Amino acid sequence: MKELKLKSSKEIEALDEKGLKAEITTSAKKLFEMKMKKELNELKQTHLVKPMRRYIAVLKTVWKTKGFNID
């Protein structure tokens, strides 16, 4: 999604542990902000919530397949 500026799967695979953790953290914060804005009827593009959730799921899947420990 161009509006969200998400990384491609090749870019995600190339990330190291620190970069992947940072990407998960920033994406989770962005998703939280989107959900809060949606509840307050301030979010104009409500269709972007679902792709963000799926993007975080992909990030966590890559995290798990690389064998990193979750803190």
PDB file of N, CA and C in Angstrom:
ATOM      1  N   MET A   1       0.852  -1.172   0.000  1.00  0.00           N
ATOM      2  CA  MET A   1       0.000   0.000   0.000  1.00  0.00           C
ATOM      3  C   MET A   1       0.898   1.235   0.000  1.00  0.00           C
ATOM      4  N   LYS A   2       0.683   2.064  -0.958  1.00  0.00           N
ATOM      5  CA  LYS A   2       1.495   3.262  -1.091  1.00  0.00           C
ATOM      6  C   LYS A   2       1.258   4.236   0.059  1.00  0.00           C
ATOM      7  N   GLU A   3       0.035   4.317   0.540  1.00  0.00           N
ATOM      8  CA  GLU A   3      -0.292   5.267   1.599  1.00  0.00           C
ATOM      9  C   GLU A   3       0.428   4.934   2.904  1.00  0.00           C
ATOM     10  N   LEU A   4       0.669   3.651   3.138  1.00  0.00           N
ATOM     11  CA  LEU A   4       1.281   3.218   4.396  1.00  0.00           C
ATOM     12  C   LEU A   4       2.803   3.149   4.317  1.00  0.00           C
ATOM     13  N   LYS A   5       3.354   3.134   3.121  1.00  0.00           N
ATOM     14  CA  LYS A   5       4.807   3.037   2.906  1.00  0.00           C
ATOM     15  C   LYS A   5       5.367   1.779   3.558  1.00  0.00           C
ATOM     16  N   LEU A   6       4.799   0.630   3.218  1.00  0.00           N
ATOM     17  CA  LEU A   6       5.237  -0.643   3.772  1.00  0.00           C
ATOM     18  C   LEU A   6       6.387  -1.209   2.950  1.00  0.00           C
ATOM     19  N   LYS A   7       7.234  -1.983   3.601  1.00  0.00           N
ATOM     20  CA  LYS A   7       8.366  -2.603   2.930  1.00  0.00           C
ATOM     21  C   LYS A   7       7.911  -3.852   2.177  1.00  0.00           C
ATOM     22  N   SER A   8       8.631  -4.174   1.124  1.00  0.00           N
ATOM     23  CA  SER A   8       8.321  -5.389   0.364  1.00  0.00           C
ATOM     24  C   SER A   8       8.843  -6.606   1.130  1.00  0.00           C
ATOM     25  N   SER A   9       8.441  -7.773   0.700  1.00  0.00           N
ATOM     26  CA  SER A   9       8.849  -8.995   1.394  1.00  0.00           C
ATOM     27  C   SER A   9      10.358  -9.214   1.297  1.00  0.00           C
ATOM     28  N   LYS A  10      10.979  -8.819   0.190  1.00  0.00           N
ATOM     29  CA  LYS A  10      12.431  -8.959   0.058  1.00  0.00           C
ATOM     30  C   LYS A  10      13.155  -8.034   1.033  1.00  0.00           C
ATOM     31  N   GLU A  11      12.639  -6.836   1.213  1.00  0.00           N
ATOM     32  CA  GLU A  11      13.238  -5.901   2.163  1.00  0.00           C
ATOM     33  C   GLU A  11      13.091  -6.403   3.594  1.00  0.00           C
ATOM     34  N   ILE A  12      11.953  -7.017   3.887  1.00  0.00           N
ATOM     35  CA  ILE A  12      11.717  -7.557   5.231  1.00  0.00           C
ATOM     36  C   ILE A  12      12.668  -8.707   5.507  1.00  0.00           C
ATOM     37  N   GLU A  13      12.858  -9.599   4.531  1.00  0.00           N
ATOM     38  CA  GLU A  13      13.756 -10.741   4.696  1.00  0.00           C
ATOM     39  C   GLU A  13      15.195 -10.300   4.923  1.00  0.00           C
ATOM     40  N   ALA A  14      15.591  -9.156   4.364  1.00  0.00           N
ATOM     41  CA  ALA A  14      16.961  -8.677   4.470  1.00  0.00           C
ATOM     42  C   ALA A  14      17.260  -8.005   5.811  1.00  0.00           C
ATOM     43  N   LEU A  15      16.243  -7.716   6.600  1.00  0.00           N
ATOM     44  CA  LEU A  15      16.446  -7.027   7.872  1.00  0.00           C
ATOM     45  C   LEU A  15      17.120  -7.945   8.893  1.00  0.00           C
ATOM     46  N   ASP A  16      17.964  -7.352   9.739  1.00  0.00           N
ATOM     47  CA  ASP A  16      18.560  -8.097  10.841  1.00  0.00           C
ATOM     48  C   ASP A  16      17.624  -8.038  12.046  1.00  0.00           C
ATOM     49  N   GLU A  17      18.056  -8.604  13.163  1.00  0.00           N
ATOM     50  CA  GLU A  17      17.192  -8.678  14.344  1.00  0.00           C
ATOM     51  C   GLU A  17      16.783  -7.295  14.848  1.00  0.00           C
ATOM     52  N   LYS A  18      17.749  -6.381  14.916  1.00  0.00           N
ATOM     53  CA  LYS A  18      17.469  -5.042  15.435  1.00  0.00           C
ATOM     54  C   LYS A  18      16.528  -4.278  14.501  1.00  0.00           C
ATOM     55  N   GLY A  19      16.761  -4.373  13.191  1.00  0.00           N
ATOM     56  CA  GLY A  19      15.917  -3.679  12.219  1.00  0.00           C
ATOM     57  C   GLY A  19      14.507  -4.224  12.184  1.00  0.00           C
ATOM     58  N   LEU A  20      14.396  -5.535  12.301  1.00  0.00           N
ATOM     59  CA  LEU A  20      13.080  -6.172  12.292  1.00  0.00           C
ATOM     60  C   LEU A  20      12.282  -5.796  13.533  1.00  0.00           C
ATOM     61  N   LYS A  21      12.956  -5.756  14.677  1.00  0.00           N
ATOM     62  CA  LYS A  21      12.271  -5.386  15.913  1.00  0.00           C
ATOM     63  C   LYS A  21      11.804  -3.933  15.852  1.00  0.00           C
ATOM     64  N   ALA A  22      12.637  -3.068  15.286  1.00  0.00           N
ATOM     65  CA  ALA A  22      12.266  -1.659  15.148  1.00  0.00           C
ATOM     66  C   ALA A  22      11.072  -1.503  14.214  1.00  0.00           C
ATOM     67  N   GLU A  23      11.045  -2.262  13.145  1.00  0.00           N
ATOM     68  CA  GLU A  23       9.936  -2.197  12.188  1.00  0.00           C
ATOM     69  C   GLU A  23       8.637  -2.679  12.827  1.00  0.00           C
ATOM     70  N   ILE A  24       8.708  -3.752  13.612  1.00  0.00           N
ATOM     71  CA  ILE A  24       7.521  -4.259  14.307  1.00  0.00           C
ATOM     72  C   ILE A  24       7.003  -3.215  15.292  1.00  0.00           C
ATOM     73  N   THR A  25       7.906  -2.591  16.033  1.00  0.00           N
ATOM     74  CA  THR A  25       7.516  -1.598  17.034  1.00  0.00           C
ATOM     75  C   THR A  25       6.851  -0.382  16.399  1.00  0.00           C
ATOM     76  N   THR A  26       7.462   0.149  15.342  1.00  0.00           N
ATOM     77  CA  THR A  26       6.882   1.334  14.702  1.00  0.00           C
ATOM     78  C   THR A  26       5.551   1.007  14.030  1.00  0.00           C
ATOM     79  N   SER A  27       5.455  -0.172  13.444  1.00  0.00           N
ATOM     80  CA  SER A  27       4.202  -0.559  12.802  1.00  0.00           C
ATOM     81  C   SER A  27       3.090  -0.757  13.824  1.00  0.00           C
ATOM     82  N   ALA A  28       3.426  -1.341  14.967  1.00  0.00           N
ATOM     83  CA  ALA A  28       2.426  -1.544  16.018  1.00  0.00           C
ATOM     84  C   ALA A  28       1.934  -0.204  16.568  1.00  0.00           C
ATOM     85  N   LYS A  29       2.855   0.743  16.726  1.00  0.00           N
ATOM     86  CA  LYS A  29       2.457   2.078  17.190  1.00  0.00           C
ATOM     87  C   LYS A  29       1.554   2.760  16.170  1.00  0.00           C
ATOM     88  N   LYS A  30       1.902   2.616  14.913  1.00  0.00           N
ATOM     89  CA  LYS A  30       1.101   3.220  13.850  1.00  0.00           C
ATOM     90  C   LYS A  30      -0.299   2.598  13.808  1.00  0.00           C
ATOM     91  N   LEU A  31      -0.369   1.272  13.987  1.00  0.00           N
ATOM     92  CA  LEU A  31      -1.664   0.586  14.005  1.00  0.00           C
ATOM     93  C   LEU A  31      -2.501   1.057  15.189  1.00  0.00           C
ATOM     94  N   PHE A  32      -1.880   1.206  16.353  1.00  0.00           N
ATOM     95  CA  PHE A  32      -2.597   1.681  17.533  1.00  0.00           C
ATOM     96  C   PHE A  32      -3.179   3.069  17.293  1.00  0.00           C
ATOM     97  N   GLU A  33      -2.370   3.965  16.704  1.00  0.00           N
ATOM     98  CA  GLU A  33      -2.847   5.313  16.410  1.00  0.00           C
ATOM     99  C   GLU A  33      -4.009   5.277  15.421  1.00  0.00           C
ATOM    100  N   MET A  34      -3.906   4.411  14.421  1.00  0.00           N
ATOM    101  CA  MET A  34      -4.977   4.295  13.432  1.00  0.00           C
ATOM    102  C   MET A  34      -6.272   3.809  14.078  1.00  0.00           C
ATOM    103  N   LYS A  35      -6.158   2.832  14.981  1.00  0.00           N
ATOM    104  CA  LYS A  35      -7.346   2.304  15.658  1.00  0.00           C
ATOM    105  C   LYS A  35      -8.006   3.363  16.537  1.00  0.00           C
ATOM    106  N   MET A  36      -7.194   4.136  17.236  1.00  0.00           N
ATOM    107  CA  MET A  36      -7.742   5.186  18.091  1.00  0.00           C
ATOM    108  C   MET A  36      -8.437   6.268  17.255  1.00  0.00           C
ATOM    109  N   LYS A  37      -7.822   6.646  16.161  1.00  0.00           N
ATOM    110  CA  LYS A  37      -8.427   7.641  15.284  1.00  0.00           C
ATOM    111  C   LYS A  37      -9.721   7.111  14.668  1.00  0.00           C
ATOM    112  N   LYS A  38      -9.737   5.812  14.362  1.00  0.00           N
ATOM    113  CA  LYS A  38     -10.948   5.211  13.797  1.00  0.00           C
ATOM    114  C   LYS A  38     -12.091   5.257  14.803  1.00  0.00           C
ATOM    115  N   GLU A  39     -11.793   4.962  16.061  1.00  0.00           N
ATOM    116  CA  GLU A  39     -12.828   4.997  17.098  1.00  0.00           C
ATOM    117  C   GLU A  39     -13.368   6.405  17.327  1.00  0.00           C
ATOM    118  N   LEU A  40     -12.528   7.399  17.116  1.00  0.00           N
ATOM    119  CA  LEU A  40     -12.946   8.790  17.298  1.00  0.00           C
ATOM    120  C   LEU A  40     -13.491   9.409  16.011  1.00  0.00           C
ATOM    121  N   ASN A  41     -13.636   8.592  14.981  1.00  0.00           N
ATOM    122  CA  ASN A  41     -14.117   9.029  13.664  1.00  0.00           C
ATOM    123  C   ASN A  41     -13.235  10.123  13.055  1.00  0.00           C
ATOM    124  N   GLU A  42     -11.930  10.045  13.309  1.00  0.00           N
ATOM    125  CA  GLU A  42     -10.991  10.994  12.733  1.00  0.00           C
ATOM    126  C   GLU A  42     -10.208  10.395  11.569  1.00  0.00           C
ATOM    127  N   LEU A  43     -10.265   9.075  11.424  1.00  0.00           N
ATOM    128  CA  LEU A  43      -9.525   8.398  10.373  1.00  0.00           C
ATOM    129  C   LEU A  43     -10.348   8.380   9.092  1.00  0.00           C
ATOM    130  N   LYS A  44      -9.823   9.007   8.056  1.00  0.00           N
ATOM    131  CA  LYS A  44     -10.541   9.094   6.781  1.00  0.00           C
ATOM    132  C   LYS A  44     -10.402   7.801   5.970  1.00  0.00           C
ATOM    133  N   GLN A  45      -9.227   7.167   6.054  1.00  0.00           N
ATOM    134  CA  GLN A  45      -8.953   5.975   5.256  1.00  0.00           C
ATOM    135  C   GLN A  45      -9.025   4.724   6.141  1.00  0.00           C
ATOM    136  N   THR A  46     -10.222   4.348   6.491  1.00  0.00           N
ATOM    137  CA  THR A  46     -10.398   3.225   7.401  1.00  0.00           C
ATOM    138  C   THR A  46      -9.998   1.891   6.773  1.00  0.00           C
ATOM    139  N   HIS A  47      -9.916   1.843   5.471  1.00  0.00           N
ATOM    140  CA  HIS A  47      -9.555   0.608   4.787  1.00  0.00           C
ATOM    141  C   HIS A  47      -8.081   0.245   4.972  1.00  0.00           C
ATOM    142  N   LEU A  48      -7.280   1.111   5.558  1.00  0.00           N
ATOM    143  CA  LEU A  48      -5.855   0.858   5.737  1.00  0.00           C
ATOM    144  C   LEU A  48      -5.528   0.093   7.012  1.00  0.00           C
ATOM    145  N   VAL A  49      -6.502  -0.101   7.876  1.00  0.00           N
ATOM    146  CA  VAL A  49      -6.258  -0.799   9.133  1.00  0.00           C
ATOM    147  C   VAL A  49      -5.945  -2.278   8.877  1.00  0.00           C
ATOM    148  N   LYS A  50      -6.711  -2.917   8.029  1.00  0.00           N
ATOM    149  CA  LYS A  50      -6.531  -4.343   7.757  1.00  0.00           C
ATOM    150  C   LYS A  50      -5.167  -4.649   7.125  1.00  0.00           C
ATOM    151  N   PRO A  51      -4.720  -3.901   6.114  1.00  0.00           N
ATOM    152  CA  PRO A  51      -3.383  -4.180   5.572  1.00  0.00           C
ATOM    153  C   PRO A  51      -2.261  -3.969   6.593  1.00  0.00           C
ATOM    154  N   MET A  52      -2.438  -3.030   7.494  1.00  0.00           N
ATOM    155  CA  MET A  52      -1.419  -2.806   8.518  1.00  0.00           C
ATOM    156  C   MET A  52      -1.349  -3.988   9.469  1.00  0.00           C
ATOM    157  N   ARG A  53      -2.501  -4.539   9.845  1.00  0.00           N
ATOM    158  CA  ARG A  53      -2.530  -5.726  10.704  1.00  0.00           C
ATOM    159  C   ARG A  53      -1.819  -6.892  10.027  1.00  0.00           C
ATOM    160  N   ARG A  54      -2.076  -7.067   8.753  1.00  0.00           N
ATOM    161  CA  ARG A  54      -1.462  -8.167   8.008  1.00  0.00           C
ATOM    162  C   ARG A  54       0.039  -7.961   7.841  1.00  0.00           C
ATOM    163  N   TYR A  55       0.458  -6.715   7.663  1.00  0.00           N
ATOM    164  CA  TYR A  55       1.873  -6.401   7.544  1.00  0.00           C
ATOM    165  C   TYR A  55       2.608  -6.769   8.833  1.00  0.00           C
ATOM    166  N   ILE A  56       2.009  -6.459   9.972  1.00  0.00           N
ATOM    167  CA  ILE A  56       2.601  -6.808  11.258  1.00  0.00           C
ATOM    168  C   ILE A  56       2.675  -8.329  11.408  1.00  0.00           C
ATOM    169  N   ALA A  57       1.661  -9.028  10.924  1.00  0.00           N
ATOM    170  CA  ALA A  57       1.677 -10.487  10.974  1.00  0.00           C
ATOM    171  C   ALA A  57       2.817 -11.053  10.137  1.00  0.00           C
ATOM    172  N   VAL A  58       3.071 -10.468   8.981  1.00  0.00           N
ATOM    173  CA  VAL A  58       4.182 -10.905   8.138  1.00  0.00           C
ATOM    174  C   VAL A  58       5.509 -10.654   8.851  1.00  0.00           C
ATOM    175  N   LEU A  59       5.639  -9.484   9.462  1.00  0.00           N
ATOM    176  CA  LEU A  59       6.860  -9.164  10.200  1.00  0.00           C
ATOM    177  C   LEU A  59       7.105 -10.171  11.327  1.00  0.00           C
ATOM    178  N   LYS A  60       6.057 -10.503  12.059  1.00  0.00           N
ATOM    179  CA  LYS A  60       6.197 -11.445  13.164  1.00  0.00           C
ATOM    180  C   LYS A  60       6.494 -12.856  12.662  1.00  0.00           C
ATOM    181  N   THR A  61       5.955 -13.207  11.503  1.00  0.00           N
ATOM    182  CA  THR A  61       6.233 -14.513  10.911  1.00  0.00           C
ATOM    183  C   THR A  61       7.702 -14.621  10.517  1.00  0.00           C
ATOM    184  N   VAL A  62       8.228 -13.572   9.889  1.00  0.00           N
ATOM    185  CA  VAL A  62       9.643 -13.560   9.522  1.00  0.00           C
ATOM    186  C   VAL A  62      10.502 -13.615  10.776  1.00  0.00           C
ATOM    187  N   TRP A  63      10.101 -12.880  11.807  1.00  0.00           N
ATOM    188  CA  TRP A  63      10.812 -12.881  13.084  1.00  0.00           C
ATOM    189  C   TRP A  63      10.914 -14.309  13.628  1.00  0.00           C
ATOM    190  N   LYS A  64       9.796 -15.021  13.590  1.00  0.00           N
ATOM    191  CA  LYS A  64       9.737 -16.376  14.133  1.00  0.00           C
ATOM    192  C   LYS A  64      10.549 -17.355  13.278  1.00  0.00           C
ATOM    193  N   THR A  65      10.476 -17.228  11.944  1.00  0.00           N
ATOM    194  CA  THR A  65      11.194 -18.166  11.081  1.00  0.00           C
ATOM    195  C   THR A  65      12.704 -17.962  11.150  1.00  0.00           C
ATOM    196  N   LYS A  66      13.153 -16.764  11.468  1.00  0.00           N
ATOM    197  CA  LYS A  66      14.582 -16.522  11.620  1.00  0.00           C
ATOM    198  C   LYS A  66      15.083 -16.999  12.976  1.00  0.00           C
ATOM    199  N   GLY A  67      14.178 -17.353  13.869  1.00  0.00           N
ATOM    200  CA  GLY A  67      14.546 -17.919  15.154  1.00  0.00           C
ATOM    201  C   GLY A  67      14.955 -16.924  16.210  1.00  0.00           C
ATOM    202  N   PHE A  68      14.504 -15.681  16.079  1.00  0.00           N
ATOM    203  CA  PHE A  68      14.828 -14.671  17.085  1.00  0.00           C
ATOM    204  C   PHE A  68      13.943 -14.876  18.306  1.00  0.00           C
ATOM    205  N   ASN A  69      14.484 -14.546  19.468  1.00  0.00           N
ATOM    206  CA  ASN A  69      13.727 -14.645  20.712  1.00  0.00           C
ATOM    207  C   ASN A  69      12.915 -13.371  20.923  1.00  0.00           C
ATOM    208  N   ILE A  70      11.693 -13.535  21.379  1.00  0.00           N
ATOM    209  CA  ILE A  70      10.844 -12.396  21.693  1.00  0.00           C
ATOM    210  C   ILE A  70      11.108 -12.010  23.128  1.00  0.00           C
ATOM    211  N   ASP A  71      11.403 -10.727  23.333  1.00  0.00           N
ATOM    212  CA  ASP A  71      11.706 -10.245  24.696  1.00  0.00           C
ATOM    213  C   ASP A  71      10.468 -10.052  25.500  1.00  0.00           C
TER     214      ASP A  71
END
